[in-house]
Amino acid sequence: MTTLEDIARVHTGWIIWRSDVGRWWATRRGPVDLEAIRMGCAMTLDADDPEALDAALAAQAELTATFAADPAAAG
């Protein structure tokens, strides 16, 4: 089972928490460029379980890396 600490250790650019109703959340520690948001980069994510949040954060990391390398390629 993936824990909050596991996710936070891997995804250091995000603040990770679990809500009182059991949803898993992550919000970026820094700003996101408007063009990056248009390309699908998110400021905040939520998921039903830690594995789904970890997968969403991994997808964001890939998208962010693509955008950082070549903003035109991310679209």
PDB file of N, CA and C in Angstrom:
ATOM      1  N   MET A   1       0.836  -1.188   0.000  1.00  0.00           N
ATOM      2  CA  MET A   1       0.000   0.000   0.000  1.00  0.00           C
ATOM      3  C   MET A   1       0.882   1.253   0.000  1.00  0.00           C
ATOM      4  N   THR A   2       0.537   2.187  -0.823  1.00  0.00           N
ATOM      5  CA  THR A   2       1.249   3.457  -0.904  1.00  0.00           C
ATOM      6  C   THR A   2       0.789   4.362   0.231  1.00  0.00           C
ATOM      7  N   THR A   3       1.747   4.990   0.917  1.00  0.00           N
ATOM      8  CA  THR A   3       1.401   5.890   2.018  1.00  0.00           C
ATOM      9  C   THR A   3       1.587   7.342   1.591  1.00  0.00           C
ATOM     10  N   LEU A   4       1.053   8.234   2.387  1.00  0.00           N
ATOM     11  CA  LEU A   4       1.232   9.659   2.161  1.00  0.00           C
ATOM     12  C   LEU A   4       2.717   9.997   2.137  1.00  0.00           C
ATOM     13  N   GLU A   5       3.479   9.412   3.038  1.00  0.00           N
ATOM     14  CA  GLU A   5       4.918   9.666   3.103  1.00  0.00           C
ATOM     15  C   GLU A   5       5.631   9.182   1.845  1.00  0.00           C
ATOM     16  N   ASP A   6       5.208   8.040   1.307  1.00  0.00           N
ATOM     17  CA  ASP A   6       5.791   7.520   0.067  1.00  0.00           C
ATOM     18  C   ASP A   6       5.592   8.518  -1.068  1.00  0.00           C
ATOM     19  N   ILE A   7       4.380   9.024  -1.194  1.00  0.00           N
ATOM     20  CA  ILE A   7       4.057   9.961  -2.273  1.00  0.00           C
ATOM     21  C   ILE A   7       4.846  11.254  -2.090  1.00  0.00           C
ATOM     22  N   ALA A   8       4.867  11.779  -0.874  1.00  0.00           N
ATOM     23  CA  ALA A   8       5.563  13.037  -0.600  1.00  0.00           C
ATOM     24  C   ALA A   8       7.065  12.915  -0.850  1.00  0.00           C
ATOM     25  N   ARG A   9       7.636  11.762  -0.568  1.00  0.00           N
ATOM     26  CA  ARG A   9       9.066  11.540  -0.778  1.00  0.00           C
ATOM     27  C   ARG A   9       9.425  11.581  -2.268  1.00  0.00           C
ATOM     28  N   VAL A  10       8.560  11.062  -3.102  1.00  0.00           N
ATOM     29  CA  VAL A  10       8.803  11.022  -4.546  1.00  0.00           C
ATOM     30  C   VAL A  10       8.451  12.346  -5.215  1.00  0.00           C
ATOM     31  N   HIS A  11       7.366  12.944  -4.813  1.00  0.00           N
ATOM     32  CA  HIS A  11       6.843  14.151  -5.465  1.00  0.00           C
ATOM     33  C   HIS A  11       7.066  15.368  -4.553  1.00  0.00           C
ATOM     34  N   THR A  12       8.320  15.781  -4.456  1.00  0.00           N
ATOM     35  CA  THR A  12       8.713  16.816  -3.495  1.00  0.00           C
ATOM     36  C   THR A  12       8.185  18.205  -3.835  1.00  0.00           C
ATOM     37  N   GLY A  13       7.782  18.436  -5.057  1.00  0.00           N
ATOM     38  CA  GLY A  13       7.259  19.740  -5.456  1.00  0.00           C
ATOM     39  C   GLY A  13       5.786  19.931  -5.128  1.00  0.00           C
ATOM     40  N   TRP A  14       5.232  18.981  -4.404  1.00  0.00           N
ATOM     41  CA  TRP A  14       3.806  19.007  -4.093  1.00  0.00           C
ATOM     42  C   TRP A  14       3.584  18.875  -2.596  1.00  0.00           C
ATOM     43  N   ILE A  15       2.497  19.472  -2.102  1.00  0.00           N
ATOM     44  CA  ILE A  15       2.029  19.269  -0.735  1.00  0.00           C
ATOM     45  C   ILE A  15       0.932  18.206  -0.823  1.00  0.00           C
ATOM     46  N   ILE A  16       1.081  17.139  -0.075  1.00  0.00           N
ATOM     47  CA  ILE A  16       0.173  15.994  -0.155  1.00  0.00           C
ATOM     48  C   ILE A  16      -0.624  15.895   1.147  1.00  0.00           C
ATOM     49  N   TRP A  17      -1.930  15.620   1.042  1.00  0.00           N
ATOM     50  CA  TRP A  17      -2.719  15.391   2.243  1.00  0.00           C
ATOM     51  C   TRP A  17      -3.937  14.547   1.934  1.00  0.00           C
ATOM     52  N   ARG A  18      -4.529  14.035   2.986  1.00  0.00           N
ATOM     53  CA  ARG A  18      -5.771  13.268   2.883  1.00  0.00           C
ATOM     54  C   ARG A  18      -6.850  14.041   3.631  1.00  0.00           C
ATOM     55  N   SER A  19      -7.965  14.250   2.973  1.00  0.00           N
ATOM     56  CA  SER A  19      -9.048  15.028   3.577  1.00  0.00           C
ATOM     57  C   SER A  19      -9.779  14.223   4.649  1.00  0.00           C
ATOM     58  N   ASP A  20     -10.603  14.911   5.411  1.00  0.00           N
ATOM     59  CA  ASP A  20     -11.391  14.271   6.465  1.00  0.00           C
ATOM     60  C   ASP A  20     -12.363  13.229   5.916  1.00  0.00           C
ATOM     61  N   VAL A  21     -12.756  13.384   4.644  1.00  0.00           N
ATOM     62  CA  VAL A  21     -13.688  12.426   4.041  1.00  0.00           C
ATOM     63  C   VAL A  21     -12.975  11.336   3.237  1.00  0.00           C
ATOM     64  N   GLY A  22     -11.628  11.334   3.301  1.00  0.00           N
ATOM     65  CA  GLY A  22     -10.874  10.243   2.710  1.00  0.00           C
ATOM     66  C   GLY A  22     -10.319  10.466   1.318  1.00  0.00           C
ATOM     67  N   ARG A  23     -10.536  11.653   0.727  1.00  0.00           N
ATOM     68  CA  ARG A  23      -9.956  11.928  -0.594  1.00  0.00           C
ATOM     69  C   ARG A  23      -8.495  12.283  -0.437  1.00  0.00           C
ATOM     70  N   TRP A  24      -7.712  11.964  -1.447  1.00  0.00           N
ATOM     71  CA  TRP A  24      -6.285  12.257  -1.461  1.00  0.00           C
ATOM     72  C   TRP A  24      -6.052  13.469  -2.343  1.00  0.00           C
ATOM     73  N   TRP A  25      -5.251  14.418  -1.856  1.00  0.00           N
ATOM     74  CA  TRP A  25      -5.037  15.687  -2.536  1.00  0.00           C
ATOM     75  C   TRP A  25      -3.556  16.011  -2.663  1.00  0.00           C
ATOM     76  N   ALA A  26      -3.238  16.799  -3.676  1.00  0.00           N
ATOM     77  CA  ALA A  26      -1.885  17.333  -3.849  1.00  0.00           C
ATOM     78  C   ALA A  26      -2.004  18.707  -4.492  1.00  0.00           C
ATOM     79  N   THR A  27      -1.224  19.644  -4.002  1.00  0.00           N
ATOM     80  CA  THR A  27      -1.168  20.965  -4.613  1.00  0.00           C
ATOM     81  C   THR A  27       0.295  21.357  -4.778  1.00  0.00           C
ATOM     82  N   ARG A  28       0.587  22.008  -5.871  1.00  0.00           N
ATOM     83  CA  ARG A  28       1.975  22.385  -6.157  1.00  0.00           C
ATOM     84  C   ARG A  28       2.491  23.382  -5.137  1.00  0.00           C
ATOM     85  N   ARG A  29       3.778  23.318  -4.887  1.00  0.00           N
ATOM     86  CA  ARG A  29       4.432  24.242  -3.960  1.00  0.00           C
ATOM     87  C   ARG A  29       4.705  25.590  -4.613  1.00  0.00           C
ATOM     88  N   GLY A  30       4.747  25.648  -5.922  1.00  0.00           N
ATOM     89  CA  GLY A  30       5.050  26.890  -6.624  1.00  0.00           C
ATOM     90  C   GLY A  30       4.024  27.172  -7.702  1.00  0.00           C
ATOM     91  N   PRO A  31       4.181  28.292  -8.377  1.00  0.00           N
ATOM     92  CA  PRO A  31       3.216  28.668  -9.416  1.00  0.00           C
ATOM     93  C   PRO A  31       3.353  27.813 -10.681  1.00  0.00           C
ATOM     94  N   VAL A  32       2.299  27.837 -11.467  1.00  0.00           N
ATOM     95  CA  VAL A  32       2.292  27.172 -12.774  1.00  0.00           C
ATOM     96  C   VAL A  32       2.037  28.238 -13.825  1.00  0.00           C
ATOM     97  N   ASP A  33       2.856  28.259 -14.829  1.00  0.00           N
ATOM     98  CA  ASP A  33       2.719  29.188 -15.944  1.00  0.00           C
ATOM     99  C   ASP A  33       1.362  28.989 -16.625  1.00  0.00           C
ATOM    100  N   LEU A  34       0.717  30.073 -17.046  1.00  0.00           N
ATOM    101  CA  LEU A  34      -0.597  29.997 -17.686  1.00  0.00           C
ATOM    102  C   LEU A  34      -0.566  29.092 -18.916  1.00  0.00           C
ATOM    103  N   GLU A  35       0.477  29.181 -19.701  1.00  0.00           N
ATOM    104  CA  GLU A  35       0.581  28.322 -20.887  1.00  0.00           C
ATOM    105  C   GLU A  35       0.683  26.849 -20.478  1.00  0.00           C
ATOM    106  N   ALA A  36       1.383  26.567 -19.386  1.00  0.00           N
ATOM    107  CA  ALA A  36       1.477  25.189 -18.894  1.00  0.00           C
ATOM    108  C   ALA A  36       0.102  24.684 -18.459  1.00  0.00           C
ATOM    109  N   ILE A  37      -0.678  25.546 -17.823  1.00  0.00           N
ATOM    110  CA  ILE A  37      -2.040  25.166 -17.431  1.00  0.00           C
ATOM    111  C   ILE A  37      -2.869  24.855 -18.672  1.00  0.00           C
ATOM    112  N   ARG A  38      -2.725  25.651 -19.699  1.00  0.00           N
ATOM    113  CA  ARG A  38      -3.451  25.389 -20.951  1.00  0.00           C
ATOM    114  C   ARG A  38      -3.074  24.048 -21.560  1.00  0.00           C
ATOM    115  N   MET A  39      -1.847  23.609 -21.296  1.00  0.00           N
ATOM    116  CA  MET A  39      -1.367  22.339 -21.839  1.00  0.00           C
ATOM    117  C   MET A  39      -1.708  21.149 -20.939  1.00  0.00           C
ATOM    118  N   GLY A  40      -2.353  21.424 -19.789  1.00  0.00           N
ATOM    119  CA  GLY A  40      -2.791  20.338 -18.923  1.00  0.00           C
ATOM    120  C   GLY A  40      -2.104  20.233 -17.577  1.00  0.00           C
ATOM    121  N   CYS A  41      -1.141  21.096 -17.298  1.00  0.00           N
ATOM    122  CA  CYS A  41      -0.511  21.087 -15.984  1.00  0.00           C
ATOM    123  C   CYS A  41      -1.512  21.610 -14.956  1.00  0.00           C
ATOM    124  N   ALA A  42      -1.585  20.959 -13.831  1.00  0.00           N
ATOM    125  CA  ALA A  42      -2.566  21.316 -12.801  1.00  0.00           C
ATOM    126  C   ALA A  42      -1.888  21.918 -11.577  1.00  0.00           C
ATOM    127  N   MET A  43      -2.599  22.786 -10.889  1.00  0.00           N
ATOM    128  CA  MET A  43      -2.128  23.320  -9.604  1.00  0.00           C
ATOM    129  C   MET A  43      -2.489  22.358  -8.474  1.00  0.00           C
ATOM    130  N   THR A  44      -3.661  21.735  -8.580  1.00  0.00           N
ATOM    131  CA  THR A  44      -4.151  20.847  -7.528  1.00  0.00           C
ATOM    132  C   THR A  44      -4.760  19.601  -8.169  1.00  0.00           C
ATOM    133  N   LEU A  45      -4.525  18.475  -7.540  1.00  0.00           N
ATOM    134  CA  LEU A  45      -5.068  17.197  -7.998  1.00  0.00           C
ATOM    135  C   LEU A  45      -5.787  16.516  -6.840  1.00  0.00           C
ATOM    136  N   ASP A  46      -6.739  15.657  -7.156  1.00  0.00           N
ATOM    137  CA  ASP A  46      -7.350  14.822  -6.132  1.00  0.00           C
ATOM    138  C   ASP A  46      -7.598  13.444  -6.700  1.00  0.00           C
ATOM    139  N   ALA A  47      -7.724  12.474  -5.800  1.00  0.00           N
ATOM    140  CA  ALA A  47      -7.918  11.087  -6.220  1.00  0.00           C
ATOM    141  C   ALA A  47      -8.644  10.324  -5.118  1.00  0.00           C
ATOM    142  N   ASP A  48      -9.167   9.164  -5.491  1.00  0.00           N
ATOM    143  CA  ASP A  48      -9.880   8.316  -4.540  1.00  0.00           C
ATOM    144  C   ASP A  48      -8.956   7.586  -3.583  1.00  0.00           C
ATOM    145  N   ASP A  49      -7.731   7.292  -4.050  1.00  0.00           N
ATOM    146  CA  ASP A  49      -6.815   6.514  -3.219  1.00  0.00           C
ATOM    147  C   ASP A  49      -5.372   6.944  -3.500  1.00  0.00           C
ATOM    148  N   PRO A  50      -4.431   6.524  -2.662  1.00  0.00           N
ATOM    149  CA  PRO A  50      -3.058   6.983  -2.825  1.00  0.00           C
ATOM    150  C   PRO A  50      -2.406   6.531  -4.127  1.00  0.00           C
ATOM    151  N   GLU A  51      -2.736   5.353  -4.589  1.00  0.00           N
ATOM    152  CA  GLU A  51      -2.161   4.871  -5.843  1.00  0.00           C
ATOM    153  C   GLU A  51      -2.601   5.731  -7.027  1.00  0.00           C
ATOM    154  N   ALA A  52      -3.869   6.112  -7.032  1.00  0.00           N
ATOM    155  CA  ALA A  52      -4.378   6.963  -8.109  1.00  0.00           C
ATOM    156  C   ALA A  52      -3.744   8.353  -8.046  1.00  0.00           C
ATOM    157  N   LEU A  53      -3.545   8.879  -6.847  1.00  0.00           N
ATOM    158  CA  LEU A  53      -2.891  10.185  -6.716  1.00  0.00           C
ATOM    159  C   LEU A  53      -1.445  10.096  -7.177  1.00  0.00           C
ATOM    160  N   ASP A  54      -0.748   9.037  -6.795  1.00  0.00           N
ATOM    161  CA  ASP A  54       0.636   8.846  -7.222  1.00  0.00           C
ATOM    162  C   ASP A  54       0.725   8.781  -8.747  1.00  0.00           C
ATOM    163  N   ALA A  55      -0.204   8.083  -9.386  1.00  0.00           N
ATOM    164  CA  ALA A  55      -0.220   7.986 -10.846  1.00  0.00           C
ATOM    165  C   ALA A  55      -0.493   9.350 -11.484  1.00  0.00           C
ATOM    166  N   ALA A  56      -1.420  10.106 -10.913  1.00  0.00           N
ATOM    167  CA  ALA A  56      -1.730  11.438 -11.446  1.00  0.00           C
ATOM    168  C   ALA A  56      -0.522  12.365 -11.302  1.00  0.00           C
ATOM    169  N   LEU A  57       0.172  12.265 -10.176  1.00  0.00           N
ATOM    170  CA  LEU A  57       1.368  13.092  -9.976  1.00  0.00           C
ATOM    171  C   LEU A  57       2.488  12.694 -10.939  1.00  0.00           C
ATOM    172  N   ALA A  58       2.631  11.409 -11.206  1.00  0.00           N
ATOM    173  CA  ALA A  58       3.636  10.955 -12.169  1.00  0.00           C
ATOM    174  C   ALA A  58       3.314  11.489 -13.566  1.00  0.00           C
ATOM    175  N   ALA A  59       2.030  11.480 -13.927  1.00  0.00           N
ATOM    176  CA  ALA A  59       1.618  12.027 -15.226  1.00  0.00           C
ATOM    177  C   ALA A  59       1.902  13.524 -15.288  1.00  0.00           C
ATOM    178  N   GLN A  60       1.674  14.232 -14.189  1.00  0.00           N
ATOM    179  CA  GLN A  60       1.975  15.664 -14.145  1.00  0.00           C
ATOM    180  C   GLN A  60       3.469  15.913 -14.275  1.00  0.00           C
ATOM    181  N   ALA A  61       4.277  15.070 -13.645  1.00  0.00           N
ATOM    182  CA  ALA A  61       5.732  15.221 -13.741  1.00  0.00           C
ATOM    183  C   ALA A  61       6.191  15.063 -15.190  1.00  0.00           C
ATOM    184  N   GLU A  62       5.621  14.100 -15.885  1.00  0.00           N
ATOM    185  CA  GLU A  62       5.968  13.885 -17.292  1.00  0.00           C
ATOM    186  C   GLU A  62       5.529  15.077 -18.141  1.00  0.00           C
ATOM    187  N   LEU A  63       4.328  15.549 -17.916  1.00  0.00           N
ATOM    188  CA  LEU A  63       3.811  16.688 -18.665  1.00  0.00           C
ATOM    189  C   LEU A  63       4.634  17.946 -18.382  1.00  0.00           C
ATOM    190  N   THR A  64       4.964  18.175 -17.119  1.00  0.00           N
ATOM    191  CA  THR A  64       5.764  19.334 -16.742  1.00  0.00           C
ATOM    192  C   THR A  64       7.141  19.275 -17.375  1.00  0.00           C
ATOM    193  N   ALA A  65       7.751  18.104 -17.384  1.00  0.00           N
ATOM    194  CA  ALA A  65       9.070  17.944 -17.996  1.00  0.00           C
ATOM    195  C   ALA A  65       9.004  18.210 -19.494  1.00  0.00           C
ATOM    196  N   THR A  66       7.962  17.727 -20.151  1.00  0.00           N
ATOM    197  CA  THR A  66       7.790  17.968 -21.584  1.00  0.00           C
ATOM    198  C   THR A  66       7.612  19.451 -21.852  1.00  0.00           C
ATOM    199  N   PHE A  67       6.792  20.099 -21.046  1.00  0.00           N
ATOM    200  CA  PHE A  67       6.552  21.526 -21.227  1.00  0.00           C
ATOM    201  C   PHE A  67       7.823  22.323 -20.978  1.00  0.00           C
ATOM    202  N   ALA A  68       8.568  21.962 -19.951  1.00  0.00           N
ATOM    203  CA  ALA A  68       9.810  22.693 -19.628  1.00  0.00           C
ATOM    204  C   ALA A  68      10.837  22.544 -20.753  1.00  0.00           C
ATOM    205  N   ALA A  69      10.890  21.372 -21.357  1.00  0.00           N
ATOM    206  CA  ALA A  69      11.864  21.124 -22.415  1.00  0.00           C
ATOM    207  C   ALA A  69      11.491  21.848 -23.705  1.00  0.00           C
ATOM    208  N   ASP A  70      10.197  21.854 -24.015  1.00  0.00           N
ATOM    209  CA  ASP A  70       9.722  22.487 -25.261  1.00  0.00           C
ATOM    210  C   ASP A  70       8.247  22.820 -25.120  1.00  0.00           C
ATOM    211  N   PRO A  71       7.920  24.045 -24.714  1.00  0.00           N
ATOM    212  CA  PRO A  71       6.522  24.428 -24.504  1.00  0.00           C
ATOM    213  C   PRO A  71       5.624  24.146 -25.693  1.00  0.00           C
ATOM    214  N   ALA A  72       6.122  24.233 -26.915  1.00  0.00           N
ATOM    215  CA  ALA A  72       5.304  23.981 -28.099  1.00  0.00           C
ATOM    216  C   ALA A  72       4.973  22.496 -28.238  1.00  0.00           C
ATOM    217  N   ALA A  73       5.822  21.599 -27.705  1.00  0.00           N
ATOM    218  CA  ALA A  73       5.618  20.166 -27.857  1.00  0.00           C
ATOM    219  C   ALA A  73       4.580  19.618 -26.888  1.00  0.00           C
ATOM    220  N   ALA A  74       4.308  20.327 -25.817  1.00  0.00           N
ATOM    221  CA  ALA A  74       3.389  19.821 -24.795  1.00  0.00           C
ATOM    222  C   ALA A  74       1.950  19.812 -25.298  1.00  0.00           C
ATOM    223  N   GLY A  75       1.637  20.586 -26.296  1.00  0.00           N
ATOM    224  CA  GLY A  75       0.258  20.627 -26.793  1.00  0.00           C
ATOM    225  C   GLY A  75       0.055  19.553 -27.753  1.00  0.00           C
TER     226      GLY A  75
END
